[in-house]
C-alpha atoms as a PDB file:
ATOM      1  CA  MET A   1     -46.035 -27.293 -24.172  1.00  0.00           C
ATOM      2  CA  ILE A   2     -47.271 -23.725 -23.824  1.00  0.00           C
ATOM      3  CA  THR A   3     -50.176 -22.684 -26.053  1.00  0.00           C
ATOM      4  CA  SER A   4     -52.374 -19.665 -26.695  1.00  0.00           C
ATOM      5  CA  ARG A   5     -55.576 -19.157 -28.674  1.00  0.00           C
ATOM      6  CA  LEU A   6     -55.953 -17.085 -31.849  1.00  0.00           C
ATOM      7  CA  THR A   7     -58.845 -14.589 -31.885  1.00  0.00           C
ATOM      8  CA  SER A   8     -61.118 -13.851 -34.846  1.00  0.00           C
ATOM      9  CA  LYS A   9     -58.884 -10.827 -35.544  1.00  0.00           C
ATOM     10  CA  ALA A  10     -55.749 -13.051 -35.728  1.00  0.00           C
ATOM     11  CA  GLN A  11     -54.502 -11.782 -32.361  1.00  0.00           C
ATOM     12  CA  THR A  12     -53.096 -13.793 -29.490  1.00  0.00           C
ATOM     13  CA  THR A  13     -51.663 -13.185 -26.044  1.00  0.00           C
ATOM     14  CA  ILE A  14     -48.075 -14.231 -25.519  1.00  0.00           C
ATOM     15  CA  PRO A  15     -48.184 -16.438 -22.421  1.00  0.00           C
ATOM     16  CA  GLN A  16     -46.425 -15.156 -19.322  1.00  0.00           C
ATOM     17  CA  PRO A  17     -43.711 -17.863 -19.264  1.00  0.00           C
ATOM     18  CA  ILE A  18     -42.718 -16.880 -22.820  1.00  0.00           C
ATOM     19  CA  ARG A  19     -42.727 -13.150 -21.957  1.00  0.00           C
ATOM     20  CA  ALA A  20     -40.566 -13.875 -18.926  1.00  0.00           C
ATOM     21  CA  ALA A  21     -38.120 -16.083 -20.851  1.00  0.00           C
ATOM     22  CA  LEU A  22     -37.678 -13.439 -23.570  1.00  0.00           C
ATOM     23  CA  ARG A  23     -37.774 -10.576 -21.039  1.00  0.00           C
ATOM     24  CA  LEU A  24     -40.502  -8.858 -23.056  1.00  0.00           C
ATOM     25  CA  ARG A  25     -41.819  -5.519 -21.822  1.00  0.00           C
ATOM     26  CA  ASP A  26     -44.431  -3.057 -23.069  1.00  0.00           C
ATOM     27  CA  GLY A  27     -43.364  -1.604 -26.382  1.00  0.00           C
ATOM     28  CA  ASP A  28     -40.861  -4.363 -27.246  1.00  0.00           C
ATOM     29  CA  GLU A  29     -40.910  -5.663 -30.798  1.00  0.00           C
ATOM     30  CA  ILE A  30     -41.083  -9.342 -31.673  1.00  0.00           C
ATOM     31  CA  ALA A  31     -39.378 -10.968 -34.655  1.00  0.00           C
ATOM     32  CA  TYR A  32     -40.851 -14.023 -36.379  1.00  0.00           C
ATOM     33  CA  GLU A  33     -38.850 -16.449 -38.510  1.00  0.00           C
ATOM     34  CA  ILE A  34     -40.609 -19.074 -40.596  1.00  0.00           C
ATOM     35  CA  ALA A  35     -38.621 -22.314 -40.634  1.00  0.00           C
ATOM     36  CA  SER A  36     -40.370 -24.966 -42.778  1.00  0.00           C
ATOM     37  CA  ASP A  37     -43.227 -26.237 -40.583  1.00  0.00           C
ATOM     38  CA  HIS A  38     -42.721 -24.001 -37.522  1.00  0.00           C
ATOM     39  CA  VAL A  39     -42.148 -20.395 -36.505  1.00  0.00           C
ATOM     40  CA  ILE A  40     -39.361 -19.078 -34.295  1.00  0.00           C
ATOM     41  CA  LEU A  41     -40.380 -16.143 -32.104  1.00  0.00           C
ATOM     42  CA  ARG A  42     -37.648 -13.828 -30.790  1.00  0.00           C
ATOM     43  CA  LYS A  43     -37.368 -10.509 -29.078  1.00  0.00           C
ATOM     44  CA  ALA A  44     -36.349  -8.145 -31.877  1.00  0.00           C
ATOM     45  CA  LYS A  45     -33.138  -6.219 -31.443  1.00  0.00           C
ATOM     46  CA  PRO A  46     -33.866  -2.506 -31.231  1.00  0.00           C
ATOM     47  CA  ALA A  47     -32.992  -0.531 -34.326  1.00  0.00           C
ATOM     48  CA  PRO A  48     -30.105   1.878 -33.805  1.00  0.00           C
ATOM     49  CA  ALA A  49     -31.247   5.391 -33.055  1.00  0.00           C
ATOM     50  CA  ASP A  50     -31.176   7.682 -36.038  1.00  0.00           C
ATOM     51  CA  ASP A  51     -28.086   9.758 -35.331  1.00  0.00           C
ATOM     52  CA  PRO A  52     -27.737  12.705 -37.712  1.00  0.00           C
ATOM     53  CA  PHE A  53     -24.092  13.144 -36.643  1.00  0.00           C
ATOM     54  CA  ARG A  54     -23.119   9.563 -37.513  1.00  0.00           C
ATOM     55  CA  THR A  55     -21.967  10.783 -40.936  1.00  0.00           C
ATOM     56  CA  PHE A  56     -19.337  12.987 -39.266  1.00  0.00           C
ATOM     57  CA  GLU A  57     -17.363  10.148 -37.666  1.00  0.00           C
ATOM     58  CA  GLU A  58     -14.173  11.317 -39.393  1.00  0.00           C
ATOM     59  CA  TRP A  59     -14.234  14.346 -37.068  1.00  0.00           C
ATOM     60  CA  GLU A  60     -14.250  12.249 -33.922  1.00  0.00           C
ATOM     61  CA  SER A  61     -10.580  12.294 -32.969  1.00  0.00           C
ATOM     62  CA  GLU A  62      -9.090  13.411 -29.674  1.00  0.00           C
ATOM     63  CA  ALA A  63      -7.700  16.515 -31.441  1.00  0.00           C
ATOM     64  CA  ASP A  64     -11.207  17.421 -32.597  1.00  0.00           C
ATOM     65  CA  ARG A  65     -12.628  16.955 -29.091  1.00  0.00           C
ATOM     66  CA  ARG A  66      -9.970  19.291 -27.676  1.00  0.00           C
ATOM     67  CA  ALA A  67     -10.439  21.854 -30.436  1.00  0.00           C
ATOM     68  CA  TYR A  68     -14.214  22.008 -30.015  1.00  0.00           C
ATOM     69  CA  ALA A  69     -14.451  21.368 -26.245  1.00  0.00           C
ATOM     70  CA  LYS A  70     -15.327  24.959 -25.330  1.00  0.00           C
ATOM     71  CA  LEU A  71     -17.959  25.553 -27.995  1.00  0.00           C
END
């Protein structure tokens, strides 16, 4: 069993074997799920980038690409 200690500020270090297994890197987010008497720790899936053009998907046809290719 892998353990870590909680500091007085409720912080802990994620042990290296856990970081390696989850492929955690600097800046990654962690998701916690409470399941009755235990917690499941996962690497959080990154949120999709905020794409201001996502609302214009109806203009994403091949005809549109040809029409606007030289702009």
